[in-house]
Amino acid sequence: MKKKNEAGTATKKRPIYKRIWFWLLVLIMIGGIGAIAGGSGNDSSENQADSKTEKQSESTADKSHKVGDEATVGKVSYKLNSVETTDERNEFEDTNPKNAVVAKYTVTNNSDEDVPVGTDLDVYGSDGKKLKSYAVSDNTLDSVASGKKADVEAAYGVDELGNIELHFSPLASFDDAVKFHTTVE
């Protein structure tokens, strides 16, 4: 089919396969088909293992744990060893809380990838407010390799001691965090 342009001369319409939007549409369709085919390739033993891990994560996410307990999020386990106050202070820190608490825990990485540690904990004070991390010399910011364990320390500033709630979850995890409760005096 020929069209006339503004100058009145005939122009040829390009075939559909020479248009960019056609190839973009083809790539999107191929990607969608690949995602569907890749998702259905799991064998039943993988599905059973994933289902077991999900059930374990669900049961531990709903339960509150205490110091000494171990709980799992996805394929990463957390054991809370202690939560205690420290007299150590950082002169370069912007804040000056009345108290600093240090959580010591062990991370067991049962996943296939390295897992960052030190960024996997959120702590809430007795008033329910999230505590800000507090830089002391033993704070751990690292990672733990697949199939390995790491001991981690993380400090937080808090004005009022009392009930502390700790939420553990790997960085960028879509699973619910596991919760630990303790009292610090």
C-alpha atoms as a PDB file:
ATOM      1  CA  MET A   1       0.000   0.000   0.000  1.00  0.00           C
ATOM      2  CA  LYS A   2       1.349   3.410  -0.883  1.00  0.00           C
ATOM      3  CA  LYS A   3       0.692   6.612   1.024  1.00  0.00           C
ATOM      4  CA  LYS A   4       1.377  10.141  -0.076  1.00  0.00           C
ATOM      5  CA  ASN A   5       3.528  12.340   2.114  1.00  0.00           C
ATOM      6  CA  GLU A   6       3.199  16.136   2.473  1.00  0.00           C
ATOM      7  CA  ALA A   7       5.120  16.722  -0.748  1.00  0.00           C
ATOM      8  CA  GLY A   8       2.603  14.595  -2.617  1.00  0.00           C
ATOM      9  CA  THR A   9       5.024  11.804  -3.500  1.00  0.00           C
ATOM     10  CA  ALA A  10       4.200   8.197  -2.826  1.00  0.00           C
ATOM     11  CA  THR A  11       5.918   6.418   0.076  1.00  0.00           C
ATOM     12  CA  LYS A  12       5.994   2.728   0.855  1.00  0.00           C
ATOM     13  CA  LYS A  13       4.683   1.492   4.177  1.00  0.00           C
ATOM     14  CA  ARG A  14       7.335  -0.549   6.010  1.00  0.00           C
ATOM     15  CA  PRO A  15       6.500  -4.199   6.661  1.00  0.00           C
ATOM     16  CA  ILE A  16       5.442  -5.003  10.212  1.00  0.00           C
ATOM     17  CA  TYR A  17       8.557  -7.094  10.929  1.00  0.00           C
ATOM     18  CA  LYS A  18      10.750  -4.029  10.317  1.00  0.00           C
ATOM     19  CA  ARG A  19       9.066  -1.992  13.036  1.00  0.00           C
ATOM     20  CA  ILE A  20      10.618  -1.656  16.473  1.00  0.00           C
ATOM     21  CA  TRP A  21       7.372  -2.097  18.404  1.00  0.00           C
ATOM     22  CA  PHE A  22       6.854  -5.471  16.709  1.00  0.00           C
ATOM     23  CA  TRP A  23      10.187  -6.793  18.021  1.00  0.00           C
ATOM     24  CA  LEU A  24       9.590  -5.391  21.489  1.00  0.00           C
ATOM     25  CA  LEU A  25       6.260  -7.203  21.593  1.00  0.00           C
ATOM     26  CA  VAL A  26       7.945 -10.439  20.445  1.00  0.00           C
ATOM     27  CA  LEU A  27      10.608 -10.141  23.177  1.00  0.00           C
ATOM     28  CA  ILE A  28       7.976  -9.553  25.859  1.00  0.00           C
ATOM     29  CA  MET A  29       6.013 -12.594  24.717  1.00  0.00           C
ATOM     30  CA  ILE A  30       9.136 -14.800  24.658  1.00  0.00           C
ATOM     31  CA  GLY A  31      10.076 -13.629  28.154  1.00  0.00           C
ATOM     32  CA  GLY A  32       6.584 -14.405  29.450  1.00  0.00           C
ATOM     33  CA  ILE A  33       6.598 -17.871  27.926  1.00  0.00           C
ATOM     34  CA  GLY A  34      10.073 -18.518  29.356  1.00  0.00           C
ATOM     35  CA  ALA A  35       8.963 -17.458  32.831  1.00  0.00           C
ATOM     36  CA  ILE A  36       5.944 -19.739  32.694  1.00  0.00           C
ATOM     37  CA  ALA A  37       7.981 -22.683  31.400  1.00  0.00           C
ATOM     38  CA  GLY A  38      10.755 -22.112  33.964  1.00  0.00           C
ATOM     39  CA  GLY A  39       8.308 -21.939  36.858  1.00  0.00           C
ATOM     40  CA  SER A  40       6.649 -25.265  36.006  1.00  0.00           C
ATOM     41  CA  GLY A  41       9.943 -27.168  35.787  1.00  0.00           C
ATOM     42  CA  ASN A  42      10.218 -27.794  39.554  1.00  0.00           C
ATOM     43  CA  ASP A  43      10.036 -31.440  40.542  1.00  0.00           C
ATOM     44  CA  SER A  44       7.810 -32.538  43.394  1.00  0.00           C
ATOM     45  CA  SER A  45      10.675 -32.941  45.896  1.00  0.00           C
ATOM     46  CA  GLU A  46      11.681 -29.288  45.387  1.00  0.00           C
ATOM     47  CA  ASN A  47       8.072 -28.225  45.833  1.00  0.00           C
ATOM     48  CA  GLN A  48       7.792 -30.296  49.019  1.00  0.00           C
ATOM     49  CA  ALA A  49      11.017 -28.786  50.412  1.00  0.00           C
ATOM     50  CA  ASP A  50       9.840 -25.257  49.594  1.00  0.00           C
ATOM     51  CA  SER A  51       6.451 -25.999  51.144  1.00  0.00           C
ATOM     52  CA  LYS A  52       8.106 -27.317  54.327  1.00  0.00           C
ATOM     53  CA  THR A  53      10.306 -24.197  54.552  1.00  0.00           C
ATOM     54  CA  GLU A  54       7.278 -21.927  54.024  1.00  0.00           C
ATOM     55  CA  LYS A  55       5.286 -23.729  56.740  1.00  0.00           C
ATOM     56  CA  GLN A  56       8.236 -23.520  59.135  1.00  0.00           C
ATOM     57  CA  SER A  57       8.633 -19.797  58.384  1.00  0.00           C
ATOM     58  CA  GLU A  58       4.915 -19.199  58.890  1.00  0.00           C
ATOM     59  CA  SER A  59       4.848 -21.020  62.215  1.00  0.00           C
ATOM     60  CA  THR A  60       7.936 -19.222  63.561  1.00  0.00           C
ATOM     61  CA  ALA A  61       6.826 -15.806  62.259  1.00  0.00           C
ATOM     62  CA  ASP A  62       3.583 -16.007  64.265  1.00  0.00           C
ATOM     63  CA  LYS A  63       5.319 -17.091  67.475  1.00  0.00           C
ATOM     64  CA  SER A  64       7.258 -14.805  69.784  1.00  0.00           C
ATOM     65  CA  HIS A  65      10.668 -16.097  70.836  1.00  0.00           C
ATOM     66  CA  LYS A  66      13.008 -15.349  73.737  1.00  0.00           C
ATOM     67  CA  VAL A  67      16.754 -15.215  74.354  1.00  0.00           C
ATOM     68  CA  GLY A  68      18.264 -18.637  73.612  1.00  0.00           C
ATOM     69  CA  ASP A  69      15.638 -19.567  71.012  1.00  0.00           C
ATOM     70  CA  GLU A  70      16.346 -20.163  67.336  1.00  0.00           C
ATOM     71  CA  ALA A  71      13.898 -19.234  64.580  1.00  0.00           C
ATOM     72  CA  THR A  72      14.014 -19.432  60.793  1.00  0.00           C
ATOM     73  CA  VAL A  73      13.062 -16.953  58.079  1.00  0.00           C
ATOM     74  CA  GLY A  74      13.147 -18.573  54.646  1.00  0.00           C
ATOM     75  CA  LYS A  75      16.445 -20.452  54.632  1.00  0.00           C
ATOM     76  CA  VAL A  76      18.193 -18.320  57.270  1.00  0.00           C
ATOM     77  CA  SER A  77      18.104 -19.156  60.988  1.00  0.00           C
ATOM     78  CA  TYR A  78      18.589 -16.686  63.831  1.00  0.00           C
ATOM     79  CA  LYS A  79      19.523 -17.576  67.397  1.00  0.00           C
ATOM     80  CA  LEU A  80      19.326 -14.708  69.878  1.00  0.00           C
ATOM     81  CA  ASN A  81      22.200 -15.236  72.343  1.00  0.00           C
ATOM     82  CA  SER A  82      21.835 -12.118  74.527  1.00  0.00           C
ATOM     83  CA  VAL A  83      20.602  -8.538  74.761  1.00  0.00           C
ATOM     84  CA  GLU A  84      22.431  -6.390  77.308  1.00  0.00           C
ATOM     85  CA  THR A  85      23.378  -2.803  78.000  1.00  0.00           C
ATOM     86  CA  THR A  86      26.827  -1.417  77.310  1.00  0.00           C
ATOM     87  CA  ASP A  87      28.689   1.517  78.808  1.00  0.00           C
ATOM     88  CA  GLU A  88      30.548   2.073  75.549  1.00  0.00           C
ATOM     89  CA  ARG A  89      29.756   5.360  73.855  1.00  0.00           C
ATOM     90  CA  ASN A  90      30.725   6.812  70.502  1.00  0.00           C
ATOM     91  CA  GLU A  91      31.901  10.432  70.693  1.00  0.00           C
ATOM     92  CA  PHE A  92      31.261  10.866  66.962  1.00  0.00           C
ATOM     93  CA  GLU A  93      27.647   9.668  67.090  1.00  0.00           C
ATOM     94  CA  ASP A  94      25.000  12.354  66.438  1.00  0.00           C
ATOM     95  CA  THR A  95      22.718  11.040  69.167  1.00  0.00           C
ATOM     96  CA  ASN A  96      23.445  10.574  72.840  1.00  0.00           C
ATOM     97  CA  PRO A  97      20.890   8.078  74.209  1.00  0.00           C
ATOM     98  CA  LYS A  98      20.711   7.320  77.932  1.00  0.00           C
ATOM     99  CA  ASN A  99      21.371   3.658  77.213  1.00  0.00           C
ATOM    100  CA  ALA A 100      22.841   1.526  74.498  1.00  0.00           C
ATOM    101  CA  VAL A 101      21.798  -2.108  74.159  1.00  0.00           C
ATOM    102  CA  VAL A 102      23.772  -4.722  72.254  1.00  0.00           C
ATOM    103  CA  ALA A 103      22.042  -7.694  70.672  1.00  0.00           C
ATOM    104  CA  LYS A 104      24.290 -10.711  70.109  1.00  0.00           C
ATOM    105  CA  TYR A 105      22.973 -13.378  67.776  1.00  0.00           C
ATOM    106  CA  THR A 106      24.084 -16.192  65.516  1.00  0.00           C
ATOM    107  CA  VAL A 107      23.030 -16.411  61.868  1.00  0.00           C
ATOM    108  CA  THR A 108      22.982 -19.767  60.059  1.00  0.00           C
ATOM    109  CA  ASN A 109      22.780 -19.421  56.278  1.00  0.00           C
ATOM    110  CA  ASN A 110      21.101 -22.451  54.672  1.00  0.00           C
ATOM    111  CA  SER A 111      20.460 -20.637  51.382  1.00  0.00           C
ATOM    112  CA  ASP A 112      22.452 -20.896  48.159  1.00  0.00           C
ATOM    113  CA  GLU A 113      23.742 -17.304  48.338  1.00  0.00           C
ATOM    114  CA  ASP A 114      25.706 -15.106  50.736  1.00  0.00           C
ATOM    115  CA  VAL A 115      23.468 -13.305  53.221  1.00  0.00           C
ATOM    116  CA  PRO A 116      24.272  -9.822  54.592  1.00  0.00           C
ATOM    117  CA  VAL A 117      24.305  -9.601  58.402  1.00  0.00           C
ATOM    118  CA  GLY A 118      24.036  -6.582  60.654  1.00  0.00           C
ATOM    119  CA  THR A 119      21.248  -5.140  58.504  1.00  0.00           C
ATOM    120  CA  ASP A 120      18.847  -7.985  59.276  1.00  0.00           C
ATOM    121  CA  LEU A 121      17.576  -6.711  62.630  1.00  0.00           C
ATOM    122  CA  ASP A 122      15.016  -4.088  63.638  1.00  0.00           C
ATOM    123  CA  VAL A 123      14.619  -3.318  67.343  1.00  0.00           C
ATOM    124  CA  TYR A 124      11.656  -1.670  69.084  1.00  0.00           C
ATOM    125  CA  GLY A 125      11.613  -0.136  72.559  1.00  0.00           C
ATOM    126  CA  SER A 126       8.999  -0.586  75.292  1.00  0.00           C
ATOM    127  CA  ASP A 127       7.038   2.341  73.814  1.00  0.00           C
ATOM    128  CA  GLY A 128       6.775   0.524  70.455  1.00  0.00           C
ATOM    129  CA  LYS A 129       9.070   2.966  68.645  1.00  0.00           C
ATOM    130  CA  LYS A 130      11.778   1.669  66.383  1.00  0.00           C
ATOM    131  CA  LEU A 131      15.229   2.176  67.864  1.00  0.00           C
ATOM    132  CA  LYS A 132      18.049   3.680  65.845  1.00  0.00           C
ATOM    133  CA  SER A 133      21.262   1.768  65.455  1.00  0.00           C
ATOM    134  CA  TYR A 134      24.112   3.058  67.570  1.00  0.00           C
ATOM    135  CA  ALA A 135      27.707   2.767  66.400  1.00  0.00           C
ATOM    136  CA  VAL A 136      29.944   0.965  68.878  1.00  0.00           C
ATOM    137  CA  SER A 137      33.201  -0.856  68.218  1.00  0.00           C
ATOM    138  CA  ASP A 138      31.738  -4.364  67.966  1.00  0.00           C
ATOM    139  CA  ASN A 139      28.889  -3.696  65.515  1.00  0.00           C
ATOM    140  CA  THR A 140      28.937  -6.267  62.716  1.00  0.00           C
ATOM    141  CA  LEU A 141      28.302  -5.352  59.082  1.00  0.00           C
ATOM    142  CA  ASP A 142      29.340  -8.324  56.986  1.00  0.00           C
ATOM    143  CA  SER A 143      27.958 -11.339  55.181  1.00  0.00           C
ATOM    144  CA  VAL A 144      27.822 -15.060  55.835  1.00  0.00           C
ATOM    145  CA  ALA A 145      28.495 -17.572  53.050  1.00  0.00           C
ATOM    146  CA  SER A 146      26.102 -20.309  51.994  1.00  0.00           C
ATOM    147  CA  GLY A 147      26.073 -23.189  54.479  1.00  0.00           C
ATOM    148  CA  LYS A 148      28.004 -21.209  57.130  1.00  0.00           C
ATOM    149  CA  LYS A 149      27.346 -19.464  60.467  1.00  0.00           C
ATOM    150  CA  ALA A 150      28.329 -16.060  61.847  1.00  0.00           C
ATOM    151  CA  ASP A 151      28.162 -14.424  65.261  1.00  0.00           C
ATOM    152  CA  VAL A 152      26.768 -10.899  64.954  1.00  0.00           C
ATOM    153  CA  GLU A 153      26.554  -7.892  67.286  1.00  0.00           C
ATOM    154  CA  ALA A 154      24.317  -4.891  66.742  1.00  0.00           C
ATOM    155  CA  ALA A 155      23.877  -1.932  69.103  1.00  0.00           C
ATOM    156  CA  TYR A 156      20.878   0.377  69.460  1.00  0.00           C
ATOM    157  CA  GLY A 157      20.294   3.561  71.428  1.00  0.00           C
ATOM    158  CA  VAL A 158      17.361   3.622  73.832  1.00  0.00           C
ATOM    159  CA  ASP A 159      16.358   6.148  76.483  1.00  0.00           C
ATOM    160  CA  GLU A 160      14.083   3.878  78.531  1.00  0.00           C
ATOM    161  CA  LEU A 161      15.018   0.287  79.333  1.00  0.00           C
ATOM    162  CA  GLY A 162      12.363  -2.374  79.697  1.00  0.00           C
ATOM    163  CA  ASN A 163      10.689  -4.587  77.148  1.00  0.00           C
ATOM    164  CA  ILE A 164      12.586  -4.869  73.875  1.00  0.00           C
ATOM    165  CA  GLU A 165      11.204  -6.462  70.712  1.00  0.00           C
ATOM    166  CA  LEU A 166      13.621  -7.691  68.030  1.00  0.00           C
ATOM    167  CA  HIS A 167      12.580  -8.504  64.448  1.00  0.00           C
ATOM    168  CA  PHE A 168      14.953 -10.643  62.371  1.00  0.00           C
ATOM    169  CA  SER A 169      14.702 -10.949  58.604  1.00  0.00           C
ATOM    170  CA  PRO A 170      17.343 -11.191  55.864  1.00  0.00           C
ATOM    171  CA  LEU A 171      17.868  -8.052  53.824  1.00  0.00           C
ATOM    172  CA  ALA A 172      15.517  -8.011  50.798  1.00  0.00           C
ATOM    173  CA  SER A 173      13.471 -10.939  52.114  1.00  0.00           C
ATOM    174  CA  PHE A 174       9.774 -11.174  51.339  1.00  0.00           C
ATOM    175  CA  ASP A 175       9.162 -13.508  54.303  1.00  0.00           C
ATOM    176  CA  ASP A 176       7.733 -12.216  57.572  1.00  0.00           C
ATOM    177  CA  ALA A 177      10.305 -11.401  60.230  1.00  0.00           C
ATOM    178  CA  VAL A 178      10.647 -13.588  63.313  1.00  0.00           C
ATOM    179  CA  LYS A 179      10.071 -11.758  66.590  1.00  0.00           C
ATOM    180  CA  PHE A 180      11.951 -12.087  69.852  1.00  0.00           C
ATOM    181  CA  HIS A 181      10.967 -10.424  73.145  1.00  0.00           C
ATOM    182  CA  THR A 182      13.192  -9.728  76.127  1.00  0.00           C
ATOM    183  CA  THR A 183      13.449  -7.367  79.069  1.00  0.00           C
ATOM    184  CA  VAL A 184      16.575  -5.268  79.527  1.00  0.00           C
ATOM    185  CA  GLU A 185      17.185  -3.525  82.855  1.00  0.00           C
END
